[in-house]
C-alpha atoms as a PDB file:
ATOM      1  CA  UNK A   1     -18.362   7.777 -19.720  1.00  0.00           C
ATOM      2  CA  UNK A   2     -17.855   8.167 -23.349  1.00  0.00           C
ATOM      3  CA  UNK A   3     -14.922  10.110 -24.705  1.00  0.00           C
ATOM      4  CA  UNK A   4     -14.854  12.449 -27.548  1.00  0.00           C
ATOM      5  CA  UNK A   5     -14.497  11.668 -30.713  1.00  0.00           C
ATOM      6  CA  UNK A   6     -11.037  11.847 -32.685  1.00  0.00           C
ATOM      7  CA  UNK A   7      -7.477  10.656 -31.632  1.00  0.00           C
ATOM      8  CA  UNK A   8      -7.501   9.207 -28.189  1.00  0.00           C
ATOM      9  CA  UNK A   9      -4.261   9.089 -26.394  1.00  0.00           C
ATOM     10  CA  UNK A  10      -2.875   6.035 -24.799  1.00  0.00           C
ATOM     11  CA  UNK A  11      -3.257   7.810 -21.637  1.00  0.00           C
ATOM     12  CA  UNK A  12      -6.959   9.142 -21.884  1.00  0.00           C
ATOM     13  CA  UNK A  13      -7.222   5.431 -22.354  1.00  0.00           C
ATOM     14  CA  UNK A  14      -5.468   4.436 -19.583  1.00  0.00           C
ATOM     15  CA  UNK A  15      -7.181   6.721 -17.089  1.00  0.00           C
ATOM     16  CA  UNK A  16     -10.589   5.647 -17.995  1.00  0.00           C
ATOM     17  CA  UNK A  17      -9.326   2.365 -17.651  1.00  0.00           C
ATOM     18  CA  UNK A  18      -8.786   2.894 -13.999  1.00  0.00           C
ATOM     19  CA  UNK A  19     -12.067   4.610 -13.593  1.00  0.00           C
ATOM     20  CA  UNK A  20     -14.271   1.975 -14.879  1.00  0.00           C
ATOM     21  CA  UNK A  21     -12.314  -0.905 -13.453  1.00  0.00           C
ATOM     22  CA  UNK A  22     -12.500   1.205  -9.583  1.00  0.00           C
ATOM     23  CA  UNK A  23     -16.374   1.533 -10.342  1.00  0.00           C
ATOM     24  CA  UNK A  24     -17.221  -1.694 -12.036  1.00  0.00           C
ATOM     25  CA  UNK A  25     -14.311  -4.172 -10.652  1.00  0.00           C
ATOM     26  CA  UNK A  26     -11.875  -5.834 -12.775  1.00  0.00           C
ATOM     27  CA  UNK A  27     -14.360  -8.762 -14.370  1.00  0.00           C
ATOM     28  CA  UNK A  28     -15.069  -5.687 -16.810  1.00  0.00           C
ATOM     29  CA  UNK A  29     -14.454  -7.212 -20.541  1.00  0.00           C
ATOM     30  CA  UNK A  30     -12.281  -5.429 -23.135  1.00  0.00           C
ATOM     31  CA  UNK A  31     -15.594  -5.229 -25.609  1.00  0.00           C
ATOM     32  CA  UNK A  32     -17.583  -3.766 -22.291  1.00  0.00           C
ATOM     33  CA  UNK A  33     -14.587  -1.532 -22.067  1.00  0.00           C
ATOM     34  CA  UNK A  34     -14.963  -0.340 -25.877  1.00  0.00           C
ATOM     35  CA  UNK A  35     -18.891   0.117 -24.937  1.00  0.00           C
ATOM     36  CA  UNK A  36     -18.561   2.171 -21.747  1.00  0.00           C
ATOM     37  CA  UNK A  37     -16.329   4.402 -23.377  1.00  0.00           C
ATOM     38  CA  UNK A  38     -17.915   4.843 -26.887  1.00  0.00           C
ATOM     39  CA  UNK A  39     -14.849   3.760 -28.581  1.00  0.00           C
ATOM     40  CA  UNK A  40     -13.945   0.729 -31.219  1.00  0.00           C
ATOM     41  CA  UNK A  41     -12.109  -2.085 -30.040  1.00  0.00           C
ATOM     42  CA  UNK A  42      -9.601  -1.605 -32.528  1.00  0.00           C
ATOM     43  CA  UNK A  43      -8.599   1.635 -30.757  1.00  0.00           C
ATOM     44  CA  UNK A  44      -8.129  -0.396 -27.935  1.00  0.00           C
ATOM     45  CA  UNK A  45      -6.306  -2.984 -28.759  1.00  0.00           C
ATOM     46  CA  UNK A  46      -4.038  -0.832 -30.983  1.00  0.00           C
ATOM     47  CA  UNK A  47      -2.235  -0.104 -27.740  1.00  0.00           C
ATOM     48  CA  UNK A  48      -3.245  -2.535 -25.595  1.00  0.00           C
ATOM     49  CA  UNK A  49      -4.181  -6.558 -27.219  1.00  0.00           C
ATOM     50  CA  UNK A  50      -4.988  -8.272 -23.762  1.00  0.00           C
ATOM     51  CA  UNK A  51      -6.360  -7.094 -20.631  1.00  0.00           C
ATOM     52  CA  UNK A  52      -3.153  -8.281 -18.966  1.00  0.00           C
ATOM     53  CA  UNK A  53      -1.446  -5.578 -21.250  1.00  0.00           C
ATOM     54  CA  UNK A  54      -3.966  -2.618 -19.908  1.00  0.00           C
ATOM     55  CA  UNK A  55      -3.272  -4.070 -16.041  1.00  0.00           C
ATOM     56  CA  UNK A  56       0.765  -4.253 -16.832  1.00  0.00           C
ATOM     57  CA  UNK A  57       0.897  -0.565 -17.854  1.00  0.00           C
ATOM     58  CA  UNK A  58      -1.204   0.316 -14.971  1.00  0.00           C
ATOM     59  CA  UNK A  59       1.323  -1.559 -12.557  1.00  0.00           C
ATOM     60  CA  UNK A  60       3.928   0.352 -14.425  1.00  0.00           C
ATOM     61  CA  UNK A  61       2.160   3.820 -13.796  1.00  0.00           C
ATOM     62  CA  UNK A  62       1.605   2.652 -10.108  1.00  0.00           C
ATOM     63  CA  UNK A  63       5.422   1.941  -9.743  1.00  0.00           C
ATOM     64  CA  UNK A  64       6.221   5.296 -11.339  1.00  0.00           C
ATOM     65  CA  UNK A  65       4.031   7.310  -8.840  1.00  0.00           C
ATOM     66  CA  UNK A  66       4.793   5.455  -5.890  1.00  0.00           C
ATOM     67  CA  UNK A  67       8.598   6.682  -6.892  1.00  0.00           C
ATOM     68  CA  UNK A  68       7.773  10.050  -7.268  1.00  0.00           C
ATOM     69  CA  UNK A  69       6.052  10.193  -4.010  1.00  0.00           C
ATOM     70  CA  UNK A  70       8.627   8.605  -1.999  1.00  0.00           C
ATOM     71  CA  UNK A  71      11.071  10.905  -3.973  1.00  0.00           C
ATOM     72  CA  UNK A  72       8.752  14.433  -2.870  1.00  0.00           C
ATOM     73  CA  UNK A  73       8.607  13.708   1.136  1.00  0.00           C
ATOM     74  CA  UNK A  74      11.223  15.482   2.277  1.00  0.00           C
ATOM     75  CA  UNK A  75      13.476  13.963   4.946  1.00  0.00           C
ATOM     76  CA  UNK A  76      12.002  10.074   4.130  1.00  0.00           C
ATOM     77  CA  UNK A  77      15.039   8.388   5.017  1.00  0.00           C
ATOM     78  CA  UNK A  78      16.254  10.105   7.616  1.00  0.00           C
ATOM     79  CA  UNK A  79      13.456  11.409   9.926  1.00  0.00           C
ATOM     80  CA  UNK A  80      11.256   8.621  11.460  1.00  0.00           C
ATOM     81  CA  UNK A  81       7.802  10.714  12.038  1.00  0.00           C
ATOM     82  CA  UNK A  82       8.051  11.787   8.210  1.00  0.00           C
ATOM     83  CA  UNK A  83       9.026   8.106   7.279  1.00  0.00           C
ATOM     84  CA  UNK A  84       6.051   7.169   9.580  1.00  0.00           C
ATOM     85  CA  UNK A  85       3.858   9.807   7.885  1.00  0.00           C
ATOM     86  CA  UNK A  86       4.687   8.346   4.362  1.00  0.00           C
ATOM     87  CA  UNK A  87       2.503   5.425   4.905  1.00  0.00           C
ATOM     88  CA  UNK A  88      -1.119   7.133   4.932  1.00  0.00           C
ATOM     89  CA  UNK A  89       0.045   8.519   1.687  1.00  0.00           C
ATOM     90  CA  UNK A  90       1.452   5.280   0.269  1.00  0.00           C
ATOM     91  CA  UNK A  91      -2.169   3.543   1.201  1.00  0.00           C
ATOM     92  CA  UNK A  92      -4.305   6.555  -0.709  1.00  0.00           C
ATOM     93  CA  UNK A  93      -1.913   5.652  -3.843  1.00  0.00           C
ATOM     94  CA  UNK A  94      -2.468   2.126  -3.487  1.00  0.00           C
ATOM     95  CA  UNK A  95      -6.358   2.792  -2.989  1.00  0.00           C
ATOM     96  CA  UNK A  96      -6.368   4.470  -6.212  1.00  0.00           C
ATOM     97  CA  UNK A  97      -4.940   1.684  -8.041  1.00  0.00           C
ATOM     98  CA  UNK A  98      -6.453  -1.067  -5.714  1.00  0.00           C
ATOM     99  CA  UNK A  99      -7.714  -2.677  -9.255  1.00  0.00           C
ATOM    100  CA  UNK A 100      -4.609  -3.120 -10.191  1.00  0.00           C
ATOM    101  CA  UNK A 101      -3.951  -5.138  -6.980  1.00  0.00           C
ATOM    102  CA  UNK A 102      -7.162  -6.887  -7.086  1.00  0.00           C
ATOM    103  CA  UNK A 103      -5.809  -8.327 -10.767  1.00  0.00           C
ATOM    104  CA  UNK A 104      -2.301  -9.333 -10.237  1.00  0.00           C
ATOM    105  CA  UNK A 105      -3.251 -11.306  -6.895  1.00  0.00           C
ATOM    106  CA  UNK A 106      -5.687 -12.974  -9.152  1.00  0.00           C
ATOM    107  CA  UNK A 107      -3.510 -13.348 -12.073  1.00  0.00           C
ATOM    108  CA  UNK A 108      -1.544 -16.306 -13.447  1.00  0.00           C
ATOM    109  CA  UNK A 109       2.347 -16.998 -12.863  1.00  0.00           C
ATOM    110  CA  UNK A 110       2.414 -17.453 -16.864  1.00  0.00           C
ATOM    111  CA  UNK A 111       1.869 -13.869 -17.103  1.00  0.00           C
ATOM    112  CA  UNK A 112       5.339 -13.058 -17.894  1.00  0.00           C
ATOM    113  CA  UNK A 113       5.417  -9.493 -18.226  1.00  0.00           C
ATOM    114  CA  UNK A 114       3.299  -8.507 -15.610  1.00  0.00           C
ATOM    115  CA  UNK A 115       5.243 -10.982 -13.028  1.00  0.00           C
ATOM    116  CA  UNK A 116       8.555  -9.882 -14.427  1.00  0.00           C
ATOM    117  CA  UNK A 117       7.446  -6.124 -13.958  1.00  0.00           C
ATOM    118  CA  UNK A 118       6.270  -7.296  -9.771  1.00  0.00           C
ATOM    119  CA  UNK A 119       9.885  -8.789  -9.464  1.00  0.00           C
ATOM    120  CA  UNK A 120      11.449  -5.603 -10.453  1.00  0.00           C
ATOM    121  CA  UNK A 121       9.761  -3.533  -8.387  1.00  0.00           C
ATOM    122  CA  UNK A 122       9.934  -5.782  -5.382  1.00  0.00           C
ATOM    123  CA  UNK A 123      13.985  -5.640  -5.782  1.00  0.00           C
ATOM    124  CA  UNK A 124      13.792  -2.196  -6.293  1.00  0.00           C
ATOM    125  CA  UNK A 125      11.981  -1.593  -3.344  1.00  0.00           C
ATOM    126  CA  UNK A 126      14.184  -4.206  -1.173  1.00  0.00           C
ATOM    127  CA  UNK A 127      17.278  -2.195  -1.756  1.00  0.00           C
ATOM    128  CA  UNK A 128      15.718   1.307  -1.025  1.00  0.00           C
ATOM    129  CA  UNK A 129      14.133   0.303   2.031  1.00  0.00           C
ATOM    130  CA  UNK A 130      17.167  -1.666   3.482  1.00  0.00           C
ATOM    131  CA  UNK A 131      19.054   1.986   2.500  1.00  0.00           C
ATOM    132  CA  UNK A 132      16.336   4.005   4.129  1.00  0.00           C
ATOM    133  CA  UNK A 133      16.675   1.420   7.176  1.00  0.00           C
ATOM    134  CA  UNK A 134      20.193   1.593   7.598  1.00  0.00           C
ATOM    135  CA  UNK A 135      19.893   5.815   7.354  1.00  0.00           C
ATOM    136  CA  UNK A 136      17.430   5.486  10.389  1.00  0.00           C
ATOM    137  CA  UNK A 137      19.815   3.504  12.167  1.00  0.00           C
ATOM    138  CA  UNK A 138      22.950   6.049  11.446  1.00  0.00           C
ATOM    139  CA  UNK A 139      20.256   8.733  12.461  1.00  0.00           C
ATOM    140  CA  UNK A 140      19.608   7.123  16.173  1.00  0.00           C
ATOM    141  CA  UNK A 141      15.971   6.331  15.745  1.00  0.00           C
ATOM    142  CA  UNK A 142      16.438   2.481  15.064  1.00  0.00           C
ATOM    143  CA  UNK A 143      18.728  -0.594  16.520  1.00  0.00           C
ATOM    144  CA  UNK A 144      21.132  -2.108  14.177  1.00  0.00           C
ATOM    145  CA  UNK A 145      19.811  -5.178  14.995  1.00  0.00           C
ATOM    146  CA  UNK A 146      17.102  -4.791  12.674  1.00  0.00           C
ATOM    147  CA  UNK A 147      19.490  -4.949   9.355  1.00  0.00           C
ATOM    148  CA  UNK A 148      20.216  -8.798  10.960  1.00  0.00           C
ATOM    149  CA  UNK A 149      16.162  -9.478  10.671  1.00  0.00           C
ATOM    150  CA  UNK A 150      16.190  -7.280   7.618  1.00  0.00           C
ATOM    151  CA  UNK A 151      14.976 -10.060   5.271  1.00  0.00           C
ATOM    152  CA  UNK A 152      11.785 -11.024   7.681  1.00  0.00           C
ATOM    153  CA  UNK A 153      11.264  -7.330   8.286  1.00  0.00           C
ATOM    154  CA  UNK A 154      10.698  -6.748   4.645  1.00  0.00           C
ATOM    155  CA  UNK A 155       8.635  -9.623   4.123  1.00  0.00           C
ATOM    156  CA  UNK A 156       6.215  -8.781   7.018  1.00  0.00           C
ATOM    157  CA  UNK A 157       5.938  -5.146   5.363  1.00  0.00           C
ATOM    158  CA  UNK A 158       5.567  -6.285   1.678  1.00  0.00           C
ATOM    159  CA  UNK A 159       2.660  -8.317   3.163  1.00  0.00           C
ATOM    160  CA  UNK A 160       1.236  -5.986   4.621  1.00  0.00           C
ATOM    161  CA  UNK A 161       1.074  -3.386   1.957  1.00  0.00           C
ATOM    162  CA  UNK A 162      -0.402  -5.883  -0.255  1.00  0.00           C
ATOM    163  CA  UNK A 163      -2.614  -7.894   1.686  1.00  0.00           C
ATOM    164  CA  UNK A 164      -4.997  -4.927   2.623  1.00  0.00           C
ATOM    165  CA  UNK A 165      -6.533  -5.525  -0.519  1.00  0.00           C
ATOM    166  CA  UNK A 166      -8.546  -8.421  -0.034  1.00  0.00           C
ATOM    167  CA  UNK A 167      -8.910  -7.266   4.084  1.00  0.00           C
ATOM    168  CA  UNK A 168     -10.453  -4.430   2.406  1.00  0.00           C
ATOM    169  CA  UNK A 169     -12.774  -6.363  -0.311  1.00  0.00           C
ATOM    170  CA  UNK A 170     -13.824  -9.406   1.479  1.00  0.00           C
ATOM    171  CA  UNK A 171     -13.132  -9.048   5.536  1.00  0.00           C
ATOM    172  CA  UNK A 172     -13.695  -5.664   6.315  1.00  0.00           C
ATOM    173  CA  UNK A 173     -15.830  -4.393   3.092  1.00  0.00           C
ATOM    174  CA  UNK A 174     -18.351  -2.165   5.172  1.00  0.00           C
ATOM    175  CA  UNK A 175     -15.868  -0.444   7.004  1.00  0.00           C
ATOM    176  CA  UNK A 176     -14.843   3.318   5.687  1.00  0.00           C
ATOM    177  CA  UNK A 177     -11.476   3.122   4.093  1.00  0.00           C
ATOM    178  CA  UNK A 178     -10.151   6.154   6.468  1.00  0.00           C
ATOM    179  CA  UNK A 179     -10.584   3.956   9.540  1.00  0.00           C
ATOM    180  CA  UNK A 180      -8.784   1.129   7.643  1.00  0.00           C
ATOM    181  CA  UNK A 181      -5.955   3.165   6.793  1.00  0.00           C
ATOM    182  CA  UNK A 182      -5.550   4.027  10.234  1.00  0.00           C
ATOM    183  CA  UNK A 183      -5.107   0.394  10.987  1.00  0.00           C
ATOM    184  CA  UNK A 184      -3.257  -0.883   8.282  1.00  0.00           C
ATOM    185  CA  UNK A 185      -0.772   2.023   8.815  1.00  0.00           C
ATOM    186  CA  UNK A 186      -0.268   1.341  12.545  1.00  0.00           C
ATOM    187  CA  UNK A 187      -0.028  -2.271  11.700  1.00  0.00           C
ATOM    188  CA  UNK A 188       3.187  -1.209   9.555  1.00  0.00           C
ATOM    189  CA  UNK A 189       4.228   1.451  12.556  1.00  0.00           C
ATOM    190  CA  UNK A 190       4.162  -1.453  14.652  1.00  0.00           C
ATOM    191  CA  UNK A 191       7.024  -3.739  12.939  1.00  0.00           C
ATOM    192  CA  UNK A 192       9.456  -1.137  13.776  1.00  0.00           C
ATOM    193  CA  UNK A 193       8.309  -1.375  17.430  1.00  0.00           C
ATOM    194  CA  UNK A 194      11.058  -4.058  18.470  1.00  0.00           C
ATOM    195  CA  UNK A 195      13.837  -2.134  17.010  1.00  0.00           C
ATOM    196  CA  UNK A 196      12.987   1.488  18.481  1.00  0.00           C
ATOM    197  CA  UNK A 197      15.867   3.336  20.376  1.00  0.00           C
ATOM    198  CA  UNK A 198      14.980   5.308  22.870  1.00  0.00           C
ATOM    199  CA  UNK A 199      14.704   8.334  20.272  1.00  0.00           C
ATOM    200  CA  UNK A 200      12.843   6.485  18.113  1.00  0.00           C
ATOM    201  CA  UNK A 201      10.360   5.337  20.841  1.00  0.00           C
ATOM    202  CA  UNK A 202       9.860   9.131  21.238  1.00  0.00           C
ATOM    203  CA  UNK A 203       8.610   9.415  17.725  1.00  0.00           C
ATOM    204  CA  UNK A 204       6.521   6.432  17.718  1.00  0.00           C
ATOM    205  CA  UNK A 205       4.649   7.857  20.587  1.00  0.00           C
ATOM    206  CA  UNK A 206       4.207  10.772  19.033  1.00  0.00           C
ATOM    207  CA  UNK A 207       3.047   9.226  16.016  1.00  0.00           C
ATOM    208  CA  UNK A 208       1.088   6.969  17.871  1.00  0.00           C
ATOM    209  CA  UNK A 209      -1.264  10.039  19.502  1.00  0.00           C
ATOM    210  CA  UNK A 210      -0.904  11.671  15.958  1.00  0.00           C
ATOM    211  CA  UNK A 211      -2.653   8.730  14.082  1.00  0.00           C
ATOM    212  CA  UNK A 212      -5.294   8.217  17.286  1.00  0.00           C
END
């Protein structure tokens, strides 16, 4: 994957880093990145002095695309069906950025900037999800008891949205992602089951048939 000679933008580097890490794994070194891409190590370290810096930037890029995805889904926070249908799209985006999730799972807590980014993203997602759940309660899809258990509910959701990476990489390595995505999606949907109203239950049954 040789880049053209001349000026190389920061974004071009990031795009190629992500492709290489996806194809060859996250253990590729900075020197190996330089050789794979046909650029000097200096051109890489000018923008990214360390591998942590690369993955921190890729993580920021992922968060931006995640927010854009959620914002682009019409009726995301007031229609339970569209809310559920967003989950496969989120998994697709996460699959594209799988190296980032793998790297962060292995990174040391001493990697300050990377973990600050993760904590900030977690806090923003907590508030957004809380507002979405309140709206779905107001629309009659969910029981308000979900708000009493929201911390547990959100924790379970975060675990499911993040732990699919080791599952797909280790326990389900030979299972096609399309099949895994269905399993992961229904696992998230099932979190809502105890809190569904009769109106929400109709949507749930519809989505189960759609995803199956």
